[in-house]
Protein backbone atom coordinates (compact mmCIF):
# COMPACT_ATOMS: atom_id res chain seq x y z
CA MET A 1 -35.56 0.47 -75.68
CA LEU A 2 -38.24 1.01 -78.30
CA LEU A 3 -35.58 2.08 -80.77
CA PHE A 4 -34.11 -1.40 -80.76
CA LEU A 5 -37.41 -3.23 -81.05
CA CYS A 6 -38.70 -1.36 -84.09
CA SER A 7 -39.08 -2.92 -87.51
CA GLY A 8 -36.41 -0.68 -88.97
CA LEU A 9 -36.19 2.27 -91.28
CA GLN A 10 -34.96 2.64 -94.86
CA LEU A 11 -33.68 5.81 -96.49
CA ILE A 12 -32.72 6.29 -100.13
CA PHE A 13 -30.49 9.14 -101.26
CA THR A 14 -29.77 10.07 -104.87
CA GLY A 15 -27.67 12.78 -106.49
CA ASP A 16 -28.74 15.58 -108.80
CA PHE A 17 -32.39 15.45 -109.90
CA LEU A 18 -33.42 17.72 -112.78
CA PRO A 19 -36.92 16.93 -114.08
CA ALA A 20 -36.64 19.84 -116.49
CA HIS A 21 -35.17 20.85 -119.86
CA ARG A 22 -34.94 17.74 -122.09
CA LEU A 23 -36.94 15.67 -119.58
CA VAL A 24 -40.04 17.85 -119.90
CA PRO A 25 -41.60 16.15 -122.98
CA TYR A 26 -41.03 12.69 -121.44
CA ILE A 27 -42.81 13.71 -118.22
CA ARG A 28 -45.69 15.30 -120.08
CA LYS A 29 -46.20 12.07 -121.96
CA GLU A 30 -45.64 9.78 -118.95
CA PRO A 31 -45.45 11.53 -115.55
CA VAL A 32 -43.73 8.62 -113.79
CA HIS A 33 -40.99 8.49 -116.44
CA PRO A 34 -37.98 9.79 -114.41
CA VAL A 35 -38.31 7.06 -111.76
CA LYS A 36 -40.12 4.28 -113.58
CA ASN A 37 -37.11 1.94 -113.70
CA ILE A 38 -36.45 2.15 -109.96
CA TYR A 39 -40.02 2.74 -108.85
CA PRO A 40 -40.24 -0.43 -106.72
CA GLN A 41 -37.19 0.61 -104.68
CA PHE A 42 -38.64 4.06 -104.06
CA VAL A 43 -42.01 2.63 -103.04
CA ARG A 44 -40.42 0.22 -100.53
CA ALA A 45 -38.30 2.90 -98.87
CA ASP A 46 -39.62 4.82 -95.90
CA PHE A 47 -38.08 8.05 -97.15
CA VAL A 48 -36.52 9.10 -100.47
CA ILE A 49 -34.31 12.19 -100.53
CA VAL A 50 -32.90 13.83 -103.68
CA ASN A 51 -30.96 16.97 -104.53
CA LEU A 52 -33.40 19.16 -106.45
CA GLU A 53 -31.26 20.91 -109.05
CA SER A 54 -33.81 23.44 -110.28
CA PRO A 55 -36.56 25.75 -109.09
CA ILE A 56 -40.21 24.86 -109.67
CA THR A 57 -41.49 28.02 -111.28
CA ASN A 58 -43.13 29.66 -114.27
CA VAL A 59 -42.05 33.13 -113.15
CA GLY A 60 -38.86 35.02 -112.44
CA LYS A 61 -36.00 36.36 -114.49
CA PRO A 62 -33.19 33.96 -115.47
CA ALA A 63 -29.88 34.55 -113.72
CA ASP A 64 -26.93 35.86 -115.69
CA LYS A 65 -25.15 32.53 -116.06
CA LYS A 66 -24.44 29.98 -118.78
CA TYR A 67 -27.08 27.41 -117.81
CA THR A 68 -30.41 28.09 -116.14
CA PHE A 69 -33.15 25.54 -115.52
CA ARG A 70 -36.70 25.52 -114.23
CA ILE A 71 -39.35 22.87 -113.66
CA PRO A 72 -42.88 23.62 -114.89
CA GLU A 73 -45.18 24.33 -111.97
CA THR A 74 -47.66 21.78 -113.30
CA PHE A 75 -45.09 19.10 -112.41
CA SER A 76 -45.12 19.87 -108.67
CA PRO A 77 -47.77 17.22 -107.77
CA TYR A 78 -45.59 14.58 -109.41
CA PHE A 79 -43.11 14.63 -106.53
CA ARG A 80 -45.59 12.54 -104.56
CA LEU A 81 -46.09 10.28 -107.57
CA TRP A 82 -42.32 9.85 -107.73
CA HIS A 83 -42.32 8.90 -104.02
CA ILE A 84 -39.89 11.69 -103.18
CA ASP A 85 -40.30 12.73 -99.56
CA ALA A 86 -37.63 15.40 -99.13
CA VAL A 87 -35.21 17.49 -101.18
CA THR A 88 -32.00 19.37 -100.55
CA LEU A 89 -31.90 22.80 -102.18
CA ALA A 90 -28.38 24.03 -101.42
CA ASN A 91 -27.00 24.02 -104.96
CA ASN A 92 -25.98 26.24 -107.87
CA HIS A 93 -29.31 26.13 -109.74
CA ILE A 94 -32.11 26.59 -107.19
CA MET A 95 -31.79 30.40 -107.59
CA ASP A 96 -31.69 30.28 -111.41
CA TYR A 97 -34.92 32.29 -111.59
CA GLY A 98 -34.23 34.56 -108.69
CA VAL A 99 -36.18 35.20 -105.53
CA LYS A 100 -39.51 34.82 -107.30
CA GLY A 101 -38.49 31.39 -108.58
CA LEU A 102 -37.30 30.27 -105.16
CA LYS A 103 -40.49 31.51 -103.51
CA ARG A 104 -42.64 29.56 -105.97
CA THR A 105 -40.50 26.47 -105.37
CA LEU A 106 -41.01 26.64 -101.61
CA ILE A 107 -44.75 27.15 -102.06
CA HIS A 108 -45.02 24.08 -104.28
CA LEU A 109 -42.86 21.88 -102.04
CA ASP A 110 -44.81 22.86 -98.93
CA GLY A 111 -48.13 22.48 -100.75
CA ASN A 112 -47.25 18.92 -101.74
CA GLY A 113 -45.82 17.91 -98.37
CA ILE A 114 -42.21 17.69 -99.59
CA LYS A 115 -39.74 18.57 -96.86
CA HIS A 116 -36.72 20.66 -97.77
CA THR A 117 -33.54 22.26 -96.46
CA GLY A 118 -30.65 24.27 -97.82
CA ALA A 119 -32.43 27.32 -99.28
CA GLY A 120 -34.98 29.81 -98.04
CA MET A 121 -36.11 33.42 -97.92
CA ASN A 122 -33.30 34.18 -95.46
CA GLN A 123 -30.42 32.25 -93.94
CA GLU A 124 -32.30 31.22 -90.80
CA GLU A 125 -35.08 29.72 -92.89
CA ALA A 126 -32.62 28.07 -95.30
CA MET A 127 -30.80 26.37 -92.41
CA LYS A 128 -33.89 24.73 -90.98
CA PRO A 129 -33.25 20.97 -91.13
CA ILE A 130 -35.34 18.24 -92.64
CA ILE A 131 -36.75 16.08 -89.85
CA LEU A 132 -38.07 12.61 -90.70
CA GLU A 133 -39.43 10.12 -88.18
CA LYS A 134 -40.62 6.54 -88.12
CA ASP A 135 -41.13 4.17 -85.18
CA GLY A 136 -39.41 6.57 -82.81
CA ILE A 137 -36.28 6.97 -84.95
CA ILE A 138 -35.67 10.62 -85.81
CA ILE A 139 -33.57 11.53 -88.86
CA GLY A 140 -32.11 15.02 -89.30
CA ILE A 141 -30.74 16.32 -92.62
CA LEU A 142 -28.74 19.49 -93.24
CA ALA A 143 -27.55 20.81 -96.61
CA TYR A 144 -24.81 23.22 -97.64
CA SER A 145 -23.54 24.63 -100.92
CA LEU A 146 -19.89 25.19 -101.83
CA THR A 147 -20.59 26.09 -105.45
CA TYR A 148 -20.77 29.34 -107.34
CA PRO A 149 -22.19 31.88 -107.96
CA GLU A 150 -21.63 33.36 -104.53
CA SER A 151 -24.58 35.68 -105.18
CA PHE A 152 -26.84 32.67 -104.55
CA TYR A 153 -25.79 32.43 -100.88
CA ALA A 154 -28.39 33.50 -98.34
CA GLY A 155 -27.90 36.24 -95.79
CA LYS A 156 -29.63 37.48 -92.66
CA GLU A 157 -32.30 39.17 -94.76
CA LYS A 158 -31.36 37.77 -98.18
CA PRO A 159 -32.95 34.73 -99.88
CA GLY A 160 -30.66 32.01 -101.13
CA THR A 161 -28.72 28.88 -100.25
CA VAL A 162 -26.72 27.95 -97.16
CA TYR A 163 -22.98 28.44 -97.64
CA GLY A 164 -20.85 25.64 -96.19
CA SER A 165 -18.77 27.80 -93.86
CA TYR A 166 -17.39 26.46 -90.59
CA GLY A 167 -19.78 28.67 -88.70
CA ASN A 168 -22.85 27.51 -90.61
CA ILE A 169 -21.84 23.85 -90.36
CA LEU A 170 -21.21 24.06 -86.61
CA LYS A 171 -24.42 25.99 -86.04
CA GLY A 172 -26.47 23.50 -88.04
CA ILE A 173 -25.02 20.39 -86.46
CA GLY A 174 -25.12 21.87 -82.98
CA SER A 175 -28.76 22.88 -83.33
CA ILE A 176 -30.09 19.36 -83.87
CA ARG A 177 -27.39 16.82 -83.08
CA ASP A 178 -28.75 15.93 -79.67
CA SER A 179 -32.41 15.87 -80.72
CA VAL A 180 -32.11 13.36 -83.58
CA ASP A 181 -30.94 9.76 -83.73
CA PHE A 182 -29.22 9.89 -87.13
CA LEU A 183 -27.76 13.08 -88.59
CA VAL A 184 -27.02 13.47 -92.31
CA VAL A 185 -25.05 16.34 -93.81
CA ALA A 186 -25.30 16.91 -97.58
CA PHE A 187 -22.89 19.06 -99.58
CA HIS A 188 -23.09 20.45 -103.10
CA TRP A 189 -19.39 20.66 -103.83
CA GLY A 190 -16.40 19.50 -105.85
CA GLN A 191 -15.40 19.97 -109.45
CA GLU A 192 -17.70 18.91 -112.28
CA LEU A 193 -16.67 15.66 -113.99
CA LEU A 194 -13.80 15.08 -111.55
CA ASP A 195 -14.04 11.51 -110.25
CA THR A 196 -12.04 12.07 -107.05
CA PRO A 197 -12.80 14.43 -104.16
CA LYS A 198 -10.69 17.51 -103.58
CA VAL A 199 -8.74 18.03 -100.36
CA TYR A 200 -11.29 20.44 -98.93
CA GLN A 201 -14.13 17.92 -99.46
CA LYS A 202 -12.32 15.26 -97.45
CA LYS A 203 -11.49 17.63 -94.64
CA LEU A 204 -14.97 19.11 -94.41
CA ALA A 205 -16.62 15.69 -94.48
CA ARG A 206 -14.42 14.45 -91.65
CA PHE A 207 -14.96 17.72 -89.79
CA CYS A 208 -18.72 17.05 -89.88
CA ILE A 209 -18.30 13.56 -88.47
CA ASP A 210 -15.92 14.81 -85.79
CA ASN A 211 -18.72 17.13 -84.72
CA GLY A 212 -21.53 14.58 -84.62
CA ALA A 213 -22.72 13.79 -88.15
CA ASP A 214 -23.49 10.12 -88.84
CA LEU A 215 -23.43 10.25 -92.65
CA VAL A 216 -22.03 12.72 -95.18
CA ILE A 217 -23.15 12.72 -98.81
CA GLY A 218 -22.24 14.92 -101.75
CA HIS A 219 -23.31 15.86 -105.25
CA HIS A 220 -22.60 18.41 -108.02
CA PRO A 221 -19.73 16.78 -110.00
CA HIS A 222 -22.24 14.83 -112.17
CA VAL A 223 -20.01 11.80 -111.65
CA THR A 224 -19.29 9.62 -108.64
CA GLN A 225 -16.23 10.21 -106.45
CA GLY A 226 -15.96 7.14 -104.24
CA GLU A 227 -16.55 6.73 -100.54
CA GLU A 228 -14.78 5.99 -97.27
CA MET A 229 -15.54 4.91 -93.73
CA TYR A 230 -14.23 7.42 -91.20
CA LYS A 231 -14.53 6.65 -87.49
CA GLY A 232 -17.21 4.11 -88.34
CA LYS A 233 -19.25 6.64 -90.35
CA LEU A 234 -19.81 6.61 -94.10
CA ILE A 235 -18.82 9.45 -96.42
CA VAL A 236 -20.03 9.30 -100.03
CA TYR A 237 -18.26 12.15 -101.79
CA SER A 238 -20.56 12.33 -104.79
CA LEU A 239 -23.67 10.41 -105.75
CA GLY A 240 -23.40 11.95 -109.21
CA ASN A 241 -26.48 12.34 -111.36
CA PHE A 242 -29.93 10.88 -110.96
CA ALA A 243 -32.58 11.69 -113.58
CA PHE A 244 -30.95 14.74 -115.07
CA GLY A 245 -32.55 16.50 -118.01
CA THR A 246 -29.49 17.51 -120.00
CA PHE A 247 -27.86 15.42 -122.68
CA SER A 248 -24.56 14.56 -121.02
CA GLU A 249 -22.97 11.23 -121.91
CA ARG A 250 -20.24 11.63 -119.30
CA GLY A 251 -22.54 11.53 -116.30
CA LYS A 252 -22.43 8.76 -113.70
CA GLY A 253 -24.66 8.12 -110.73
CA GLU A 254 -25.34 6.04 -107.66
CA MET A 255 -28.16 5.46 -105.22
CA LEU A 256 -27.42 5.09 -101.51
CA VAL A 257 -29.75 2.84 -99.53
CA VAL A 258 -29.52 3.15 -95.74
CA ASP A 259 -31.19 0.51 -93.57
CA ILE A 260 -31.33 1.09 -89.82
CA LYS A 261 -32.20 -2.14 -88.07
CA GLY A 262 -31.83 -2.66 -84.36
CA ASP A 263 -28.34 -1.55 -83.37
CA SER A 264 -26.92 -1.77 -86.92
CA ILE A 265 -26.83 0.44 -89.98
CA HIS A 266 -26.47 -1.22 -93.37
CA TYR A 267 -25.36 0.85 -96.36
CA ASN A 268 -25.78 -0.26 -99.95
CA ILE A 269 -24.33 1.89 -102.74
CA ILE A 270 -26.01 0.89 -106.00
CA PRO A 271 -24.54 2.07 -109.33
CA LEU A 272 -27.00 3.66 -111.75
CA GLU A 273 -26.96 3.95 -115.51
CA VAL A 274 -27.77 7.62 -116.08
CA ARG A 275 -26.51 8.33 -119.61
CA PRO A 276 -29.43 9.66 -121.68
CA SER A 277 -28.57 7.64 -124.77
CA ARG A 278 -29.12 4.45 -122.75
CA THR A 279 -31.85 5.55 -120.37
CA ASP A 280 -34.00 8.22 -122.06
CA PHE A 281 -33.52 10.11 -118.78
CA SER A 282 -34.93 7.28 -116.66
CA PRO A 283 -32.05 5.74 -114.65
CA TYR A 284 -31.80 2.04 -113.92
CA THR A 285 -29.63 0.01 -111.57
CA LEU A 286 -26.40 -1.72 -112.54
CA LYS A 287 -24.35 -4.51 -110.98
CA GLY A 288 -21.49 -3.76 -108.63
CA GLU A 289 -23.18 -2.86 -105.35
CA ARG A 290 -20.86 -1.89 -102.49
CA LYS A 291 -21.97 -2.61 -98.94
CA TYR A 292 -20.91 -1.25 -95.56
CA LYS A 293 -22.09 -1.72 -92.01
CA SER A 294 -21.78 0.32 -88.84
CA HIS A 295 -23.20 0.47 -85.34
CA PHE A 296 -26.35 2.49 -84.67
CA THR A 297 -26.06 4.61 -81.54
CA PRO A 298 -29.04 6.97 -81.10
CA HIS A 299 -28.06 10.51 -80.16
CA LYS A 300 -31.13 11.15 -78.04
CA PRO A 301 -31.87 11.45 -75.24
CA GLN A 302 -28.52 12.61 -73.89
CA PRO A 303 -27.91 11.58 -70.24
CA HIS A 304 -25.37 14.42 -69.96
CA PRO A 305 -24.96 17.96 -71.29
CA PRO A 306 -24.01 18.09 -75.00
CA HIS A 307 -20.26 17.91 -75.46
CA PRO A 308 -18.63 20.97 -77.07
CA LEU A 309 -18.29 21.08 -80.81
CA ILE A 310 -14.80 20.46 -82.19
CA LEU A 311 -13.32 23.52 -83.83
CA PRO A 312 -10.96 23.10 -86.81
CA SER A 313 -7.31 22.89 -85.81
CA GLU A 314 -6.02 23.95 -89.23
CA THR A 315 -7.04 25.98 -92.23
CA TYR A 316 -9.31 23.98 -94.50
CA LEU A 317 -9.12 24.41 -98.26
CA TYR A 318 -12.20 25.84 -99.93
CA PRO A 319 -13.01 25.65 -103.64
CA SER A 320 -11.27 28.90 -104.55
CA GLU A 321 -8.11 27.73 -102.79
CA ASP A 322 -7.91 24.19 -104.17
């Protein structure tokens, strides 16, 4: 009963956040710079969650890949200034400076009270969910990567990111579905600069909802890819870029605001201007909001044993096959 008498809860999700590279001099001059144009929205929200597209490290050897990024360690206290409460780490850049870089990242996030999921010193650690709570409402967040290089994926005794396999998805959802009220699954997936989702993205997103997820979000393409309501649940295929410290004029971005009030969930997808030539790497909101609404049904406590997870009935297409 208390769940339906509470004052409500607001979450904000953004896409790829890279306070590094070309953004570094702006932050050194004005630490609040990446979020200054949407600062009031972040302050009002109960929780802000972003995809952190870079390690926080001054050490480590760069990976053998075209682009590698890292955030200066002196910037780690700014996550609280930016009103960021949690980050997903399952992406193709968090291991850019190897195990040492990842370890420093986790130390800084933990030291500043920033919750995280999607990468860790082994797969079990990487799969630990983000748990957020306010007024008795418990939010769970899981994150998976479907991007290369495959060498970034974690193993039983290997640091890295969580690969979005059926087994990992089912294990993650099954481990927390009946102990949280609202379950979010985040994917780093899709093709860069492609403004529509691939077949495997649609099937995996729906697979998550079939198995108990309440919201699916994506990022990695650096552009937005639209959304759909499936069985009364929202899927946002790509939130695109947020404050992203490379000079790309083709980037697009959105901010998803989720309001849980009483027995309703209100979604507001707000377009963002993210092109550096117009923002100096500090995104601002645009017109054209898109709104959705669904029913809020808490998962906990369950009056009956958890129902079995739904296994895939067909072969799903993964990036290398699509």
